[in-house]
Amino acid sequence: MNATQTGIISGLVLGLAATQGFIAFLITLAVGVIGLVVGRVLDGALDLSDLFGKGRDR
């Protein structure tokens, strides 16, 4: 199991800790997406250096 799979599963499990209902669905979805992004970054499949890299020289 790679980091992407671990991230999405852990995000979904953490989201299930919320209360029941539509709000719980939205929380689970949001935490699952966060877990997916973190997993992709750890796998090296997603590069965030463009967003958080050094600014351009003026």
PDB file of N, CA and C in Angstrom:
ATOM      1  N   MET A   1       0.857  -1.164   0.000  1.00  0.00           N
ATOM      2  CA  MET A   1       0.000   0.000   0.000  1.00  0.00           C
ATOM      3  C   MET A   1       0.908   1.234   0.000  1.00  0.00           C
ATOM      4  N   ASN A   2       0.692   2.127  -0.954  1.00  0.00           N
ATOM      5  CA  ASN A   2       1.532   3.311  -1.046  1.00  0.00           C
ATOM      6  C   ASN A   2       0.952   4.455  -0.212  1.00  0.00           C
ATOM      7  N   ALA A   3       1.647   5.579  -0.192  1.00  0.00           N
ATOM      8  CA  ALA A   3       1.243   6.704   0.647  1.00  0.00           C
ATOM      9  C   ALA A   3      -0.085   7.314   0.189  1.00  0.00           C
ATOM     10  N   THR A   4      -0.376   7.264  -1.105  1.00  0.00           N
ATOM     11  CA  THR A   4      -1.643   7.798  -1.594  1.00  0.00           C
ATOM     12  C   THR A   4      -2.815   7.006  -1.027  1.00  0.00           C
ATOM     13  N   GLN A   5      -2.721   5.701  -1.082  1.00  0.00           N
ATOM     14  CA  GLN A   5      -3.786   4.855  -0.540  1.00  0.00           C
ATOM     15  C   GLN A   5      -3.903   5.015   0.965  1.00  0.00           C
ATOM     16  N   THR A   6      -2.778   5.079   1.650  1.00  0.00           N
ATOM     17  CA  THR A   6      -2.803   5.259   3.096  1.00  0.00           C
ATOM     18  C   THR A   6      -3.412   6.606   3.461  1.00  0.00           C
ATOM     19  N   GLY A   7      -3.077   7.649   2.706  1.00  0.00           N
ATOM     20  CA  GLY A   7      -3.616   8.978   2.975  1.00  0.00           C
ATOM     21  C   GLY A   7      -5.113   9.044   2.784  1.00  0.00           C
ATOM     22  N   ILE A   8      -5.625   8.479   1.700  1.00  0.00           N
ATOM     23  CA  ILE A   8      -7.068   8.543   1.455  1.00  0.00           C
ATOM     24  C   ILE A   8      -7.834   7.707   2.479  1.00  0.00           C
ATOM     25  N   ILE A   9      -7.301   6.555   2.837  1.00  0.00           N
ATOM     26  CA  ILE A   9      -7.983   5.704   3.826  1.00  0.00           C
ATOM     27  C   ILE A   9      -7.975   6.367   5.194  1.00  0.00           C
ATOM     28  N   SER A  10      -6.836   6.913   5.603  1.00  0.00           N
ATOM     29  CA  SER A  10      -6.789   7.567   6.911  1.00  0.00           C
ATOM     30  C   SER A  10      -7.676   8.802   6.936  1.00  0.00           C
ATOM     31  N   GLY A  11      -7.738   9.534   5.837  1.00  0.00           N
ATOM     32  CA  GLY A  11      -8.623  10.687   5.776  1.00  0.00           C
ATOM     33  C   GLY A  11     -10.084  10.300   5.884  1.00  0.00           C
ATOM     34  N   LEU A  12     -10.470   9.240   5.219  1.00  0.00           N
ATOM     35  CA  LEU A  12     -11.860   8.798   5.297  1.00  0.00           C
ATOM     36  C   LEU A  12     -12.213   8.253   6.679  1.00  0.00           C
ATOM     37  N   VAL A  13     -11.275   7.546   7.305  1.00  0.00           N
ATOM     38  CA  VAL A  13     -11.533   7.030   8.650  1.00  0.00           C
ATOM     39  C   VAL A  13     -11.662   8.178   9.640  1.00  0.00           C
ATOM     40  N   LEU A  14     -10.801   9.190   9.517  1.00  0.00           N
ATOM     41  CA  LEU A  14     -10.913  10.357  10.405  1.00  0.00           C
ATOM     42  C   LEU A  14     -12.214  11.108  10.163  1.00  0.00           C
ATOM     43  N   GLY A  15     -12.658  11.161   8.937  1.00  0.00           N
ATOM     44  CA  GLY A  15     -13.916  11.829   8.635  1.00  0.00           C
ATOM     45  C   GLY A  15     -15.117  11.105   9.194  1.00  0.00           C
ATOM     46  N   LEU A  16     -15.027   9.788   9.336  1.00  0.00           N
ATOM     47  CA  LEU A  16     -16.137   9.015   9.892  1.00  0.00           C
ATOM     48  C   LEU A  16     -16.348   9.278  11.375  1.00  0.00           C
ATOM     49  N   ALA A  17     -15.385   9.920  12.024  1.00  0.00           N
ATOM     50  CA  ALA A  17     -15.529  10.243  13.440  1.00  0.00           C
ATOM     51  C   ALA A  17     -16.550  11.363  13.662  1.00  0.00           C
ATOM     52  N   ALA A  18     -16.983  12.033  12.594  1.00  0.00           N
ATOM     53  CA  ALA A  18     -17.954  13.120  12.709  1.00  0.00           C
ATOM     54  C   ALA A  18     -19.350  12.551  12.986  1.00  0.00           C
ATOM     55  N   THR A  19     -20.271  13.428  13.307  1.00  0.00           N
ATOM     56  CA  THR A  19     -21.638  13.000  13.571  1.00  0.00           C
ATOM     57  C   THR A  19     -22.308  12.526  12.280  1.00  0.00           C
ATOM     58  N   GLN A  20     -23.460  11.900  12.422  1.00  0.00           N
ATOM     59  CA  GLN A  20     -24.160  11.366  11.260  1.00  0.00           C
ATOM     60  C   GLN A  20     -24.923  12.472  10.542  1.00  0.00           C
ATOM     61  N   GLY A  21     -25.167  12.255   9.267  1.00  0.00           N
ATOM     62  CA  GLY A  21     -25.945  13.202   8.481  1.00  0.00           C
ATOM     63  C   GLY A  21     -25.165  13.753   7.307  1.00  0.00           C
ATOM     64  N   PHE A  22     -25.751  14.757   6.670  1.00  0.00           N
ATOM     65  CA  PHE A  22     -25.146  15.339   5.481  1.00  0.00           C
ATOM     66  C   PHE A  22     -23.857  16.078   5.817  1.00  0.00           C
ATOM     67  N   ILE A  23     -23.829  16.734   6.978  1.00  0.00           N
ATOM     68  CA  ILE A  23     -22.618  17.439   7.404  1.00  0.00           C
ATOM     69  C   ILE A  23     -21.479  16.438   7.576  1.00  0.00           C
ATOM     70  N   ALA A  24     -21.768  15.263   8.112  1.00  0.00           N
ATOM     71  CA  ALA A  24     -20.748  14.228   8.276  1.00  0.00           C
ATOM     72  C   ALA A  24     -20.221  13.781   6.912  1.00  0.00           C
ATOM     73  N   PHE A  25     -21.097  13.701   5.932  1.00  0.00           N
ATOM     74  CA  PHE A  25     -20.667  13.348   4.576  1.00  0.00           C
ATOM     75  C   PHE A  25     -19.699  14.389   4.032  1.00  0.00           C
ATOM     76  N   LEU A  26     -20.018  15.655   4.228  1.00  0.00           N
ATOM     77  CA  LEU A  26     -19.146  16.723   3.728  1.00  0.00           C
ATOM     78  C   LEU A  26     -17.802  16.734   4.453  1.00  0.00           C
ATOM     79  N   ILE A  27     -17.831  16.508   5.764  1.00  0.00           N
ATOM     80  CA  ILE A  27     -16.585  16.460   6.532  1.00  0.00           C
ATOM     81  C   ILE A  27     -15.740  15.273   6.085  1.00  0.00           C
ATOM     82  N   THR A  28     -16.363  14.120   5.905  1.00  0.00           N
ATOM     83  CA  THR A  28     -15.645  12.935   5.448  1.00  0.00           C
ATOM     84  C   THR A  28     -15.040  13.166   4.072  1.00  0.00           C
ATOM     85  N   LEU A  29     -15.782  13.784   3.195  1.00  0.00           N
ATOM     86  CA  LEU A  29     -15.289  14.082   1.855  1.00  0.00           C
ATOM     87  C   LEU A  29     -14.100  15.032   1.906  1.00  0.00           C
ATOM     88  N   ALA A  30     -14.204  16.077   2.714  1.00  0.00           N
ATOM     89  CA  ALA A  30     -13.119  17.061   2.808  1.00  0.00           C
ATOM     90  C   ALA A  30     -11.856  16.447   3.401  1.00  0.00           C
ATOM     91  N   VAL A  31     -12.008  15.677   4.469  1.00  0.00           N
ATOM     92  CA  VAL A  31     -10.841  15.066   5.105  1.00  0.00           C
ATOM     93  C   VAL A  31     -10.243  13.989   4.199  1.00  0.00           C
ATOM     94  N   GLY A  32     -11.072  13.294   3.451  1.00  0.00           N
ATOM     95  CA  GLY A  32     -10.571  12.318   2.486  1.00  0.00           C
ATOM     96  C   GLY A  32      -9.758  12.966   1.383  1.00  0.00           C
ATOM     97  N   VAL A  33     -10.208  14.104   0.893  1.00  0.00           N
ATOM     98  CA  VAL A  33      -9.464  14.820  -0.147  1.00  0.00           C
ATOM     99  C   VAL A  33      -8.130  15.323   0.407  1.00  0.00           C
ATOM    100  N   ILE A  34      -8.134  15.815   1.641  1.00  0.00           N
ATOM    101  CA  ILE A  34      -6.882  16.253   2.263  1.00  0.00           C
ATOM    102  C   ILE A  34      -5.919  15.078   2.388  1.00  0.00           C
ATOM    103  N   GLY A  35      -6.423  13.928   2.816  1.00  0.00           N
ATOM    104  CA  GLY A  35      -5.588  12.733   2.913  1.00  0.00           C
ATOM    105  C   GLY A  35      -5.046  12.304   1.562  1.00  0.00           C
ATOM    106  N   LEU A  36      -5.861  12.421   0.531  1.00  0.00           N
ATOM    107  CA  LEU A  36      -5.423  12.077  -0.821  1.00  0.00           C
ATOM    108  C   LEU A  36      -4.289  12.989  -1.280  1.00  0.00           C
ATOM    109  N   VAL A  37      -4.441  14.284  -1.064  1.00  0.00           N
ATOM    110  CA  VAL A  37      -3.416  15.238  -1.486  1.00  0.00           C
ATOM    111  C   VAL A  37      -2.113  14.992  -0.736  1.00  0.00           C
ATOM    112  N   VAL A  38      -2.201  14.768   0.580  1.00  0.00           N
ATOM    113  CA  VAL A  38      -0.991  14.501   1.368  1.00  0.00           C
ATOM    114  C   VAL A  38      -0.323  13.219   0.886  1.00  0.00           C
ATOM    115  N   GLY A  39      -1.091  12.203   0.612  1.00  0.00           N
ATOM    116  CA  GLY A  39      -0.538  10.952   0.105  1.00  0.00           C
ATOM    117  C   GLY A  39       0.133  11.112  -1.239  1.00  0.00           C
ATOM    118  N   ARG A  40      -0.481  11.897  -2.136  1.00  0.00           N
ATOM    119  CA  ARG A  40       0.120  12.131  -3.456  1.00  0.00           C
ATOM    120  C   ARG A  40       1.435  12.898  -3.337  1.00  0.00           C
ATOM    121  N   VAL A  41       1.482  13.852  -2.403  1.00  0.00           N
ATOM    122  CA  VAL A  41       2.717  14.609  -2.190  1.00  0.00           C
ATOM    123  C   VAL A  41       3.805  13.683  -1.660  1.00  0.00           C
ATOM    124  N   LEU A  42       3.462  12.821  -0.708  1.00  0.00           N
ATOM    125  CA  LEU A  42       4.445  11.898  -0.146  1.00  0.00           C
ATOM    126  C   LEU A  42       4.932  10.886  -1.182  1.00  0.00           C
ATOM    127  N   ASP A  43       4.074  10.500  -2.114  1.00  0.00           N
ATOM    128  CA  ASP A  43       4.475   9.583  -3.187  1.00  0.00           C
ATOM    129  C   ASP A  43       5.314  10.286  -4.247  1.00  0.00           C
ATOM    130  N   GLY A  44       5.275  11.592  -4.281  1.00  0.00           N
ATOM    131  CA  GLY A  44       6.004  12.347  -5.298  1.00  0.00           C
ATOM    132  C   GLY A  44       5.217  12.530  -6.573  1.00  0.00           C
ATOM    133  N   ALA A  45       3.943  12.167  -6.574  1.00  0.00           N
ATOM    134  CA  ALA A  45       3.113  12.295  -7.764  1.00  0.00           C
ATOM    135  C   ALA A  45       2.542  13.704  -7.915  1.00  0.00           C
ATOM    136  N   LEU A  46       2.630  14.504  -6.858  1.00  0.00           N
ATOM    137  CA  LEU A  46       2.095  15.857  -6.881  1.00  0.00           C
ATOM    138  C   LEU A  46       3.182  16.787  -6.356  1.00  0.00           C
ATOM    139  N   ASP A  47       3.544  17.780  -7.166  1.00  0.00           N
ATOM    140  CA  ASP A  47       4.611  18.705  -6.792  1.00  0.00           C
ATOM    141  C   ASP A  47       3.997  20.051  -6.431  1.00  0.00           C
ATOM    142  N   LEU A  48       4.143  20.445  -5.180  1.00  0.00           N
ATOM    143  CA  LEU A  48       3.581  21.709  -4.721  1.00  0.00           C
ATOM    144  C   LEU A  48       4.600  22.838  -4.712  1.00  0.00           C
ATOM    145  N   SER A  49       5.768  22.610  -5.289  1.00  0.00           N
ATOM    146  CA  SER A  49       6.797  23.645  -5.265  1.00  0.00           C
ATOM    147  C   SER A  49       6.395  24.864  -6.091  1.00  0.00           C
ATOM    148  N   ASP A  50       5.527  24.688  -7.076  1.00  0.00           N
ATOM    149  CA  ASP A  50       5.058  25.837  -7.853  1.00  0.00           C
ATOM    150  C   ASP A  50       4.194  26.762  -6.995  1.00  0.00           C
ATOM    151  N   LEU A  51       3.436  26.192  -6.081  1.00  0.00           N
ATOM    152  CA  LEU A  51       2.579  27.001  -5.219  1.00  0.00           C
ATOM    153  C   LEU A  51       3.342  27.599  -4.046  1.00  0.00           C
ATOM    154  N   PHE A  52       4.239  26.816  -3.442  1.00  0.00           N
ATOM    155  CA  PHE A  52       4.915  27.234  -2.226  1.00  0.00           C
ATOM    156  C   PHE A  52       6.400  27.489  -2.421  1.00  0.00           C
ATOM    157  N   GLY A  53       6.838  27.523  -3.668  1.00  0.00           N
ATOM    158  CA  GLY A  53       8.259  27.738  -3.961  1.00  0.00           C
ATOM    159  C   GLY A  53       8.666  29.176  -3.742  1.00  0.00           C
ATOM    160  N   LYS A  54       9.919  29.453  -4.025  1.00  0.00           N
ATOM    161  CA  LYS A  54      10.429  30.804  -3.880  1.00  0.00           C
ATOM    162  C   LYS A  54       9.796  31.715  -4.921  1.00  0.00           C
ATOM    163  N   GLY A  55       9.632  32.973  -4.549  1.00  0.00           N
ATOM    164  CA  GLY A  55       9.062  33.946  -5.467  1.00  0.00           C
ATOM    165  C   GLY A  55      10.013  34.267  -6.601  1.00  0.00           C
ATOM    166  N   ARG A  56       9.496  34.798  -7.638  1.00  0.00           N
ATOM    167  CA  ARG A  56      10.319  35.167  -8.787  1.00  0.00           C
ATOM    168  C   ARG A  56      11.185  36.371  -8.436  1.00  0.00           C
ATOM    169  N   ASP A  57      12.369  36.401  -8.977  1.00  0.00           N
ATOM    170  CA  ASP A  57      13.246  37.554  -8.781  1.00  0.00           C
ATOM    171  C   ASP A  57      12.730  38.719  -9.611  1.00  0.00           C
ATOM    172  N   ARG A  58      12.792  39.895  -9.018  1.00  0.00           N
ATOM    173  CA  ARG A  58      12.290  41.075  -9.735  1.00  0.00           C
ATOM    174  C   ARG A  58      13.381  41.778 -10.449  1.00  0.00           C
TER     175      ARG A  58
END
